[in-house]
Amino acid sequence: MMEASMATYSDALGQKRMMATSVGLDSEHWVSRAVNVDAAGDYGADPIGDGTFRMVPSGDIVDLAERMRRLPVRR
């Protein structure tokens, strides 16, 4: 029988936990954070490479200051 403290990496959630842990993140807090995609406004941003970001889901191209203004503060 496996102890409760031993983690399993055989499923998708276990793989996400292992990846988070390997880069020094708290896997329980990081992996289980849900994003409300039905909320109004943007909830993410992808870097373009020239100092700008494509906002998700609007697709607007913005600079860092605008990105920080649009995204909610993570706690």
Protein backbone atom coordinates (compact mmCIF):
# COMPACT_ATOMS: atom_id res chain seq x y z
CA MET A 1 0.00 0.00 0.00
CA MET A 2 1.31 3.46 -0.94
CA GLU A 3 1.72 6.08 1.76
CA ALA A 4 -0.33 9.26 1.50
CA SER A 5 2.86 11.34 1.37
CA MET A 6 4.12 9.54 -1.73
CA ALA A 7 3.04 11.21 -4.96
CA THR A 8 2.02 9.42 -8.12
CA TYR A 9 3.04 10.86 -11.47
CA SER A 10 1.16 8.38 -13.64
CA ASP A 11 -1.78 10.65 -14.53
CA ALA A 12 -2.07 14.12 -16.08
CA LEU A 13 -2.47 15.92 -12.76
CA GLY A 14 0.55 14.09 -11.36
CA GLN A 15 2.61 15.16 -14.37
CA LYS A 16 1.59 18.80 -13.82
CA ARG A 17 2.56 18.55 -10.15
CA MET A 18 5.94 17.05 -11.07
CA MET A 19 6.64 19.84 -13.60
CA ALA A 20 5.67 22.55 -11.09
CA THR A 21 7.86 20.99 -8.40
CA SER A 22 10.81 20.63 -10.78
CA VAL A 23 10.96 24.41 -11.29
CA GLY A 24 10.54 25.20 -7.60
CA LEU A 25 6.84 26.04 -7.50
CA ASP A 26 4.37 24.95 -4.84
CA SER A 27 2.59 22.29 -6.87
CA GLU A 28 -0.59 22.11 -4.77
CA HIS A 29 -1.20 25.85 -5.03
CA TRP A 30 -0.09 26.24 -8.64
CA VAL A 31 -1.76 23.24 -10.32
CA SER A 32 -5.18 23.46 -8.77
CA ARG A 33 -5.78 27.13 -9.57
CA ALA A 34 -8.83 27.47 -11.81
CA VAL A 35 -9.38 30.24 -14.35
CA ASN A 36 -12.90 31.56 -14.81
CA VAL A 37 -13.10 31.82 -18.59
CA ASP A 38 -16.66 33.17 -18.42
CA ALA A 39 -15.62 36.35 -16.61
CA ALA A 40 -15.56 39.58 -18.56
CA GLY A 41 -12.18 40.87 -19.70
CA ASP A 42 -8.83 39.22 -20.28
CA TYR A 43 -7.44 36.52 -18.04
CA GLY A 44 -4.04 35.85 -19.64
CA ALA A 45 -1.34 37.10 -21.97
CA ASP A 46 1.15 35.49 -24.34
CA PRO A 47 4.50 37.21 -24.98
CA ILE A 48 5.12 38.06 -28.62
CA GLY A 49 8.87 38.61 -28.32
CA ASP A 50 9.26 42.30 -29.08
CA GLY A 51 8.17 43.51 -25.64
CA THR A 52 4.48 43.27 -26.38
CA PHE A 53 1.83 40.74 -25.38
CA ARG A 54 -1.25 39.22 -27.02
CA MET A 55 -4.08 39.30 -24.49
CA VAL A 56 -6.25 36.21 -23.98
CA PRO A 57 -9.06 35.95 -25.07
CA SER A 58 -9.42 39.41 -26.67
CA GLY A 59 -6.34 39.12 -28.88
CA ASP A 60 -5.35 42.76 -28.33
CA ILE A 61 -1.62 43.53 -28.66
CA VAL A 62 -0.48 45.59 -25.65
CA ASP A 63 2.70 46.71 -23.89
CA LEU A 64 3.78 45.54 -20.42
CA ALA A 65 2.11 48.43 -18.57
CA GLU A 66 -1.25 47.75 -20.23
CA ARG A 67 -0.87 43.98 -19.62
CA MET A 68 -0.32 44.57 -15.91
CA ARG A 69 -3.31 46.91 -15.76
CA ARG A 70 -5.67 44.42 -17.44
CA LEU A 71 -4.71 41.26 -15.58
CA PRO A 72 -6.03 40.66 -12.07
CA VAL A 73 -3.58 40.46 -9.19
CA ARG A 74 -2.81 36.81 -8.32
CA ARG A 75 -2.79 35.88 -4.67
